[in-house]
Amino acid sequence: MKMFVIADNSDTLTGMRLAGVEGTEVHTGSELREALAEAVADPENGVILLTEKFGREFPEIVNEAKLSRKLPLILEIPDRHGTGRKPDFITSYVNEAIGLKL
């Protein structure tokens, strides 16, 4: 089982390649849809990493890919510009999930 990254910039892709993770760089919704289809079709890919920018710009494509299958696991990662999430997003997520304030 291996990881595959779909990045929106060459810096993220280069960094992941240095860590031994292969991937591709895409910029449009149609390119993202095609890259996701190819990555999901490869049975060796157990985890697909997407930069967070795709989740913000193309949420319908990302959500469709995440919800339509159990494997591979599709995760959004920050890119070179950092994360777009608020600092306490994990606490907020847990609060929403269990209904208790931590």
N, C-alpha and C. Protein backbone atom coordinates (compact mmCIF):
# COMPACT_ATOMS: atom_id res chain seq x y z
N MET A 1 0.85 -1.17 0.00
CA MET A 1 0.00 0.00 0.00
C MET A 1 0.90 1.23 0.00
N LYS A 2 0.53 2.22 -0.82
CA LYS A 2 1.35 3.42 -0.91
C LYS A 2 0.48 4.67 -0.88
N MET A 3 1.14 5.82 -0.73
CA MET A 3 0.46 7.11 -0.75
C MET A 3 0.68 7.76 -2.11
N PHE A 4 -0.27 8.62 -2.48
CA PHE A 4 -0.20 9.37 -3.73
C PHE A 4 -0.69 10.77 -3.43
N VAL A 5 0.00 11.79 -3.92
CA VAL A 5 -0.39 13.17 -3.66
C VAL A 5 -0.86 13.84 -4.94
N ILE A 6 -1.93 14.61 -4.81
CA ILE A 6 -2.41 15.47 -5.90
C ILE A 6 -2.30 16.88 -5.36
N ALA A 7 -1.37 17.65 -5.92
CA ALA A 7 -1.05 18.97 -5.40
C ALA A 7 -1.42 20.06 -6.40
N ASP A 8 -1.58 21.27 -5.88
CA ASP A 8 -1.89 22.41 -6.73
C ASP A 8 -0.66 23.26 -7.02
N ASN A 9 0.50 22.86 -6.49
CA ASN A 9 1.73 23.61 -6.76
C ASN A 9 2.93 22.67 -6.75
N SER A 10 3.97 23.11 -7.42
CA SER A 10 5.15 22.26 -7.57
C SER A 10 5.93 22.12 -6.26
N ASP A 11 5.86 23.11 -5.38
CA ASP A 11 6.60 23.03 -4.11
C ASP A 11 6.09 21.88 -3.25
N THR A 12 4.78 21.76 -3.12
CA THR A 12 4.21 20.66 -2.33
C THR A 12 4.55 19.33 -2.96
N LEU A 13 4.42 19.25 -4.27
CA LEU A 13 4.72 18.00 -4.98
C LEU A 13 6.18 17.62 -4.80
N THR A 14 7.07 18.58 -4.92
CA THR A 14 8.51 18.30 -4.76
C THR A 14 8.82 17.82 -3.34
N GLY A 15 8.24 18.49 -2.35
CA GLY A 15 8.46 18.08 -0.96
C GLY A 15 7.98 16.66 -0.70
N MET A 16 6.82 16.32 -1.24
CA MET A 16 6.29 14.97 -1.05
C MET A 16 7.15 13.94 -1.79
N ARG A 17 7.63 14.30 -2.96
CA ARG A 17 8.51 13.38 -3.69
C ARG A 17 9.80 13.13 -2.93
N LEU A 18 10.32 14.16 -2.26
CA LEU A 18 11.52 13.98 -1.44
C LEU A 18 11.25 13.01 -0.28
N ALA A 19 10.01 12.93 0.14
CA ALA A 19 9.63 12.01 1.22
C ALA A 19 9.25 10.63 0.67
N GLY A 20 9.35 10.45 -0.65
CA GLY A 20 9.07 9.15 -1.25
C GLY A 20 7.64 8.95 -1.71
N VAL A 21 6.87 10.04 -1.78
CA VAL A 21 5.47 9.94 -2.19
C VAL A 21 5.35 10.46 -3.61
N GLU A 22 4.89 9.61 -4.51
CA GLU A 22 4.68 10.04 -5.90
C GLU A 22 3.40 10.83 -6.01
N GLY A 23 3.26 11.57 -7.10
CA GLY A 23 2.05 12.34 -7.26
C GLY A 23 2.02 13.11 -8.56
N THR A 24 1.07 14.04 -8.62
CA THR A 24 0.87 14.84 -9.81
C THR A 24 0.43 16.24 -9.41
N GLU A 25 0.62 17.19 -10.30
CA GLU A 25 0.22 18.57 -10.07
C GLU A 25 -0.92 18.91 -11.03
N VAL A 26 -2.01 19.44 -10.49
CA VAL A 26 -3.16 19.82 -11.32
C VAL A 26 -3.64 21.20 -10.89
N HIS A 27 -4.41 21.86 -11.78
CA HIS A 27 -4.85 23.22 -11.48
C HIS A 27 -6.33 23.46 -11.74
N THR A 28 -6.98 22.65 -12.54
CA THR A 28 -8.39 22.88 -12.85
C THR A 28 -9.25 21.75 -12.29
N GLY A 29 -10.55 21.99 -12.26
CA GLY A 29 -11.48 20.98 -11.77
C GLY A 29 -11.47 19.73 -12.61
N SER A 30 -11.39 19.88 -13.92
CA SER A 30 -11.38 18.70 -14.80
C SER A 30 -10.10 17.90 -14.62
N GLU A 31 -8.97 18.60 -14.43
CA GLU A 31 -7.71 17.89 -14.17
C GLU A 31 -7.76 17.16 -12.84
N LEU A 32 -8.37 17.78 -11.84
CA LEU A 32 -8.51 17.15 -10.52
C LEU A 32 -9.37 15.90 -10.62
N ARG A 33 -10.49 16.00 -11.29
CA ARG A 33 -11.39 14.85 -11.45
C ARG A 33 -10.66 13.68 -12.14
N GLU A 34 -9.90 14.00 -13.20
CA GLU A 34 -9.16 12.97 -13.93
C GLU A 34 -8.06 12.35 -13.07
N ALA A 35 -7.31 13.19 -12.35
CA ALA A 35 -6.23 12.69 -11.49
C ALA A 35 -6.78 11.83 -10.36
N LEU A 36 -7.90 12.23 -9.77
CA LEU A 36 -8.51 11.43 -8.71
C LEU A 36 -8.98 10.08 -9.25
N ALA A 37 -9.58 10.09 -10.42
CA ALA A 37 -10.06 8.83 -11.02
C ALA A 37 -8.91 7.87 -11.24
N GLU A 38 -7.79 8.37 -11.74
CA GLU A 38 -6.62 7.53 -11.98
C GLU A 38 -6.03 7.03 -10.67
N ALA A 39 -5.93 7.91 -9.67
CA ALA A 39 -5.34 7.52 -8.39
C ALA A 39 -6.20 6.49 -7.67
N VAL A 40 -7.50 6.66 -7.72
CA VAL A 40 -8.42 5.72 -7.06
C VAL A 40 -8.42 4.37 -7.77
N ALA A 41 -8.23 4.38 -9.08
CA ALA A 41 -8.24 3.14 -9.85
C ALA A 41 -7.02 2.27 -9.58
N ASP A 42 -5.93 2.86 -9.09
CA ASP A 42 -4.72 2.09 -8.80
C ASP A 42 -4.89 1.37 -7.46
N PRO A 43 -4.94 0.03 -7.46
CA PRO A 43 -5.16 -0.70 -6.21
C PRO A 43 -4.01 -0.58 -5.21
N GLU A 44 -2.85 -0.12 -5.64
CA GLU A 44 -1.71 0.06 -4.76
C GLU A 44 -1.87 1.30 -3.86
N ASN A 45 -2.68 2.27 -4.29
CA ASN A 45 -2.85 3.51 -3.52
C ASN A 45 -3.79 3.27 -2.35
N GLY A 46 -3.26 3.40 -1.14
CA GLY A 46 -4.06 3.24 0.06
C GLY A 46 -4.48 4.57 0.66
N VAL A 47 -3.67 5.62 0.38
CA VAL A 47 -3.96 6.96 0.88
C VAL A 47 -3.69 7.95 -0.25
N ILE A 48 -4.67 8.81 -0.50
CA ILE A 48 -4.50 9.88 -1.49
C ILE A 48 -4.53 11.20 -0.73
N LEU A 49 -3.49 11.99 -0.92
CA LEU A 49 -3.37 13.28 -0.25
C LEU A 49 -3.72 14.38 -1.25
N LEU A 50 -4.59 15.29 -0.84
CA LEU A 50 -4.96 16.45 -1.66
C LEU A 50 -4.62 17.72 -0.89
N THR A 51 -4.15 18.74 -1.57
CA THR A 51 -3.94 20.00 -0.87
C THR A 51 -5.30 20.62 -0.53
N GLU A 52 -5.35 21.35 0.58
CA GLU A 52 -6.60 21.92 1.08
C GLU A 52 -7.27 22.85 0.07
N LYS A 53 -6.48 23.43 -0.80
CA LYS A 53 -7.03 24.35 -1.80
C LYS A 53 -8.11 23.67 -2.64
N PHE A 54 -7.93 22.39 -2.94
CA PHE A 54 -8.93 21.66 -3.73
C PHE A 54 -10.26 21.54 -2.98
N GLY A 55 -10.18 21.33 -1.67
CA GLY A 55 -11.39 21.23 -0.87
C GLY A 55 -12.16 22.53 -0.83
N ARG A 56 -11.45 23.65 -0.90
CA ARG A 56 -12.11 24.96 -0.91
C ARG A 56 -12.65 25.31 -2.30
N GLU A 57 -11.88 25.03 -3.35
CA GLU A 57 -12.26 25.43 -4.69
C GLU A 57 -13.18 24.43 -5.40
N PHE A 58 -13.03 23.15 -5.11
CA PHE A 58 -13.81 22.11 -5.78
C PHE A 58 -14.42 21.15 -4.76
N PRO A 59 -15.21 21.64 -3.82
CA PRO A 59 -15.73 20.76 -2.77
C PRO A 59 -16.60 19.62 -3.29
N GLU A 60 -17.32 19.85 -4.37
CA GLU A 60 -18.18 18.79 -4.90
C GLU A 60 -17.36 17.61 -5.43
N ILE A 61 -16.24 17.88 -6.06
CA ILE A 61 -15.38 16.81 -6.57
C ILE A 61 -14.74 16.05 -5.42
N VAL A 62 -14.21 16.79 -4.44
CA VAL A 62 -13.53 16.17 -3.30
C VAL A 62 -14.51 15.36 -2.47
N ASN A 63 -15.67 15.94 -2.16
CA ASN A 63 -16.66 15.22 -1.34
C ASN A 63 -17.19 13.98 -2.05
N GLU A 64 -17.40 14.07 -3.35
CA GLU A 64 -17.85 12.90 -4.11
C GLU A 64 -16.83 11.77 -4.02
N ALA A 65 -15.55 12.12 -4.15
CA ALA A 65 -14.49 11.11 -4.08
C ALA A 65 -14.40 10.50 -2.68
N LYS A 66 -14.54 11.33 -1.65
CA LYS A 66 -14.44 10.83 -0.27
C LYS A 66 -15.62 9.94 0.11
N LEU A 67 -16.80 10.29 -0.33
CA LEU A 67 -18.00 9.60 0.12
C LEU A 67 -18.40 8.40 -0.74
N SER A 68 -17.80 8.24 -1.90
CA SER A 68 -18.24 7.18 -2.81
C SER A 68 -17.54 5.84 -2.58
N ARG A 69 -16.53 5.80 -1.73
CA ARG A 69 -15.80 4.54 -1.51
C ARG A 69 -15.13 4.56 -0.14
N LYS A 70 -14.80 3.38 0.34
CA LYS A 70 -14.09 3.27 1.62
C LYS A 70 -12.59 3.40 1.44
N LEU A 71 -12.06 2.82 0.39
CA LEU A 71 -10.63 2.88 0.11
C LEU A 71 -10.41 3.39 -1.30
N PRO A 72 -9.40 4.13 -1.53
CA PRO A 72 -8.37 4.59 -0.62
C PRO A 72 -8.87 5.74 0.26
N LEU A 73 -8.17 5.95 1.34
CA LEU A 73 -8.47 7.06 2.24
C LEU A 73 -8.02 8.35 1.56
N ILE A 74 -8.90 9.34 1.52
CA ILE A 74 -8.57 10.62 0.88
C ILE A 74 -8.49 11.68 1.96
N LEU A 75 -7.32 12.31 2.07
CA LEU A 75 -7.06 13.30 3.11
C LEU A 75 -6.64 14.63 2.49
N GLU A 76 -7.05 15.71 3.12
CA GLU A 76 -6.63 17.04 2.70
C GLU A 76 -5.49 17.49 3.60
N ILE A 77 -4.44 18.02 2.98
CA ILE A 77 -3.26 18.48 3.72
C ILE A 77 -3.00 19.94 3.40
N PRO A 78 -2.38 20.68 4.34
CA PRO A 78 -2.01 22.07 4.04
C PRO A 78 -0.89 22.10 3.00
N ASP A 79 -0.82 23.19 2.26
CA ASP A 79 0.28 23.34 1.31
C ASP A 79 1.29 24.34 1.85
N ARG A 80 2.10 24.90 1.00
CA ARG A 80 3.18 25.80 1.44
C ARG A 80 2.67 27.08 2.10
N HIS A 81 1.40 27.43 1.86
CA HIS A 81 0.83 28.64 2.43
C HIS A 81 0.21 28.39 3.81
N GLY A 82 0.27 27.17 4.28
CA GLY A 82 -0.30 26.83 5.57
C GLY A 82 -1.73 26.37 5.45
N THR A 83 -2.38 26.22 6.57
CA THR A 83 -3.74 25.70 6.58
C THR A 83 -4.76 26.84 6.57
N GLY A 84 -5.92 26.55 6.05
CA GLY A 84 -7.01 27.51 6.06
C GLY A 84 -7.95 27.27 7.23
N ARG A 85 -7.60 26.34 8.08
CA ARG A 85 -8.45 25.99 9.22
C ARG A 85 -8.18 26.91 10.40
N LYS A 86 -9.19 27.10 11.23
CA LYS A 86 -9.00 27.91 12.42
C LYS A 86 -8.14 27.14 13.42
N PRO A 87 -7.45 27.83 14.32
CA PRO A 87 -6.52 27.17 15.24
C PRO A 87 -7.12 26.08 16.11
N ASP A 88 -8.38 26.18 16.47
CA ASP A 88 -8.98 25.18 17.35
C ASP A 88 -9.94 24.25 16.60
N PHE A 89 -9.64 23.95 15.33
CA PHE A 89 -10.56 23.15 14.53
C PHE A 89 -10.76 21.74 15.08
N ILE A 90 -9.76 21.16 15.70
CA ILE A 90 -9.91 19.80 16.24
C ILE A 90 -10.87 19.83 17.43
N THR A 91 -10.69 20.79 18.33
CA THR A 91 -11.59 20.91 19.47
C THR A 91 -13.02 21.16 19.00
N SER A 92 -13.19 22.03 18.03
CA SER A 92 -14.53 22.31 17.49
C SER A 92 -15.15 21.06 16.88
N TYR A 93 -14.34 20.30 16.17
CA TYR A 93 -14.81 19.08 15.53
C TYR A 93 -15.29 18.07 16.58
N VAL A 94 -14.52 17.90 17.64
CA VAL A 94 -14.89 16.99 18.72
C VAL A 94 -16.15 17.48 19.41
N ASN A 95 -16.24 18.78 19.67
CA ASN A 95 -17.42 19.36 20.31
C ASN A 95 -18.68 19.08 19.49
N GLU A 96 -18.59 19.26 18.18
CA GLU A 96 -19.73 18.99 17.31
C GLU A 96 -20.08 17.51 17.28
N ALA A 97 -19.06 16.66 17.29
CA ALA A 97 -19.28 15.22 17.16
C ALA A 97 -19.95 14.61 18.38
N ILE A 98 -19.51 15.03 19.58
CA ILE A 98 -20.07 14.41 20.79
C ILE A 98 -21.07 15.30 21.52
N GLY A 99 -21.18 16.56 21.09
CA GLY A 99 -22.16 17.44 21.70
C GLY A 99 -21.79 17.99 23.06
N LEU A 100 -20.53 17.88 23.42
CA LEU A 100 -20.06 18.40 24.70
C LEU A 100 -18.95 19.41 24.46
N LYS A 101 -18.92 20.41 25.31
CA LYS A 101 -17.84 21.40 25.21
C LYS A 101 -16.66 20.92 26.04
N LEU A 102 -15.50 20.87 25.42
CA LEU A 102 -14.28 20.42 26.12
C LEU A 102 -13.51 21.59 26.68
